[in-house]
């Protein structure tokens, strides 16, 4: 008696169970349900099982959470995470980096002036 062994090597994009619009809708619903309020600001697009996420969130943790949630949706083959971090913490980091540069520059010029005198 022979048993039929299905071959998965012949999987084609048109064999997918879900269309692009359906996948996009299901990912968006899953994100708003499971990834918190910031996920509502994320735009989702899908093409042949590949999902692209765009938008802005406050923290890198929120960005990673949204990507992880997206990967859990059936039919998602790959995730392109183009979400940017633009919250208050990112602004503070940019300001702090600028302040550190100014402090180092001021210290360097003060030391240079001491040795020049």
Protein backbone atom coordinates (compact mmCIF):
# COMPACT_ATOMS: atom_id res chain seq x y z
CA UNK A 1 0.00 0.00 0.00
CA UNK A 2 1.42 3.38 -1.04
CA UNK A 3 0.88 6.54 0.98
CA UNK A 4 0.63 9.97 -0.55
CA UNK A 5 3.36 12.34 0.65
CA UNK A 6 2.53 15.96 -0.11
CA UNK A 7 5.44 18.00 -1.41
CA UNK A 8 5.93 21.45 0.05
CA UNK A 9 8.81 22.29 -2.27
CA UNK A 10 6.35 23.30 -4.99
CA UNK A 11 4.70 26.00 -2.84
CA UNK A 12 3.94 29.06 -4.93
CA UNK A 13 2.75 32.51 -3.78
CA UNK A 14 -0.62 31.91 -5.50
CA UNK A 15 -1.10 28.84 -3.26
CA UNK A 16 -1.42 31.07 -0.18
CA UNK A 17 -4.56 30.73 1.86
CA UNK A 18 -5.02 34.48 2.30
CA UNK A 19 -5.10 37.36 -0.16
CA UNK A 20 -3.04 40.50 0.39
CA UNK A 21 -6.00 42.64 1.45
CA UNK A 22 -7.23 39.98 3.88
CA UNK A 23 -3.75 39.58 5.38
CA UNK A 24 -3.34 43.34 5.70
CA UNK A 25 -6.71 43.63 7.47
CA UNK A 26 -6.00 40.72 9.83
CA UNK A 27 -2.55 42.07 10.77
CA UNK A 28 -3.99 45.53 11.47
CA UNK A 29 -6.75 44.08 13.66
CA UNK A 30 -4.30 41.83 15.52
CA UNK A 31 -1.93 44.73 16.17
CA UNK A 32 -4.63 47.04 17.54
CA UNK A 33 -5.90 44.24 19.76
CA UNK A 34 -2.56 42.95 21.10
CA UNK A 35 0.17 45.57 20.66
CA UNK A 36 -1.25 48.55 22.51
CA UNK A 37 -2.45 52.02 21.62
CA UNK A 38 0.60 52.99 19.56
CA UNK A 39 -0.13 50.19 17.08
CA UNK A 40 -3.17 52.16 15.88
CA UNK A 41 -0.78 54.67 14.31
CA UNK A 42 1.01 52.02 12.24
CA UNK A 43 0.22 51.60 8.55
CA UNK A 44 0.23 48.00 7.35
CA UNK A 45 0.68 46.83 3.78
CA UNK A 46 0.97 43.27 2.47
CA UNK A 47 2.20 41.70 -0.74
CA UNK A 48 2.50 37.95 -1.27
CA UNK A 49 2.70 37.28 2.48
CA UNK A 50 5.32 39.95 3.10
CA UNK A 51 4.10 42.62 5.47
CA UNK A 52 5.52 46.14 5.67
CA UNK A 53 5.01 48.23 8.81
CA UNK A 54 5.31 52.03 8.64
CA UNK A 55 4.70 54.79 11.14
CA UNK A 56 6.12 56.20 14.36
CA UNK A 57 6.20 55.00 17.96
CA UNK A 58 7.69 56.39 21.17
CA UNK A 59 10.09 53.57 22.08
CA UNK A 60 12.14 50.79 20.55
CA UNK A 61 10.27 48.36 22.81
CA UNK A 62 6.97 49.34 21.15
CA UNK A 63 8.59 48.91 17.72
CA UNK A 64 9.82 45.41 18.60
CA UNK A 65 6.48 44.42 20.17
CA UNK A 66 4.57 45.44 17.05
CA UNK A 67 6.93 43.45 14.82
CA UNK A 68 6.69 40.37 17.07
CA UNK A 69 2.88 40.56 17.08
CA UNK A 70 2.85 40.86 13.29
CA UNK A 71 4.89 37.67 12.93
CA UNK A 72 2.23 35.73 14.89
CA UNK A 73 -0.49 36.31 12.29
CA UNK A 74 -1.18 33.30 10.07
CA UNK A 75 -0.04 33.88 6.50
CA UNK A 76 2.81 36.28 7.33
CA UNK A 77 5.96 35.08 5.59
CA UNK A 78 8.24 38.04 6.30
CA UNK A 79 8.05 41.42 8.06
CA UNK A 80 9.74 44.61 6.86
CA UNK A 81 9.78 46.90 9.88
CA UNK A 82 10.08 50.53 8.75
CA UNK A 83 8.67 51.93 12.00
CA UNK A 84 10.58 54.96 13.28
CA UNK A 85 11.10 55.93 16.89
CA UNK A 86 10.11 59.53 17.45
CA UNK A 87 8.94 59.78 21.03
CA UNK A 88 10.07 62.03 23.83
CA UNK A 89 12.85 59.60 24.75
CA UNK A 90 14.33 59.78 21.26
CA UNK A 91 14.27 63.59 21.48
CA UNK A 92 15.92 63.49 24.91
CA UNK A 93 18.63 61.19 23.54
CA UNK A 94 19.32 63.57 20.64
CA UNK A 95 19.45 66.58 22.99
CA UNK A 96 21.64 64.69 25.47
CA UNK A 97 24.04 63.70 22.69
CA UNK A 98 24.23 67.33 21.58
CA UNK A 99 24.79 68.52 25.15
CA UNK A 100 27.54 65.95 25.68
CA UNK A 101 29.26 67.21 22.54
CA UNK A 102 29.03 70.82 23.78
CA UNK A 103 30.36 69.88 27.22
CA UNK A 104 33.31 68.03 25.69
CA UNK A 105 34.00 70.96 23.32
CA UNK A 106 33.84 73.48 26.18
CA UNK A 107 36.10 71.33 28.37
CA UNK A 108 38.58 70.92 25.56
CA UNK A 109 38.72 74.67 24.87
CA UNK A 110 39.05 75.42 28.62
CA UNK A 111 41.95 72.96 28.93
CA UNK A 112 43.57 74.35 25.79
CA UNK A 113 43.28 77.89 27.15
CA UNK A 114 44.85 76.84 30.50
CA UNK A 115 47.87 75.32 28.80
CA UNK A 116 48.22 78.26 26.41
CA UNK A 117 48.46 80.72 29.30
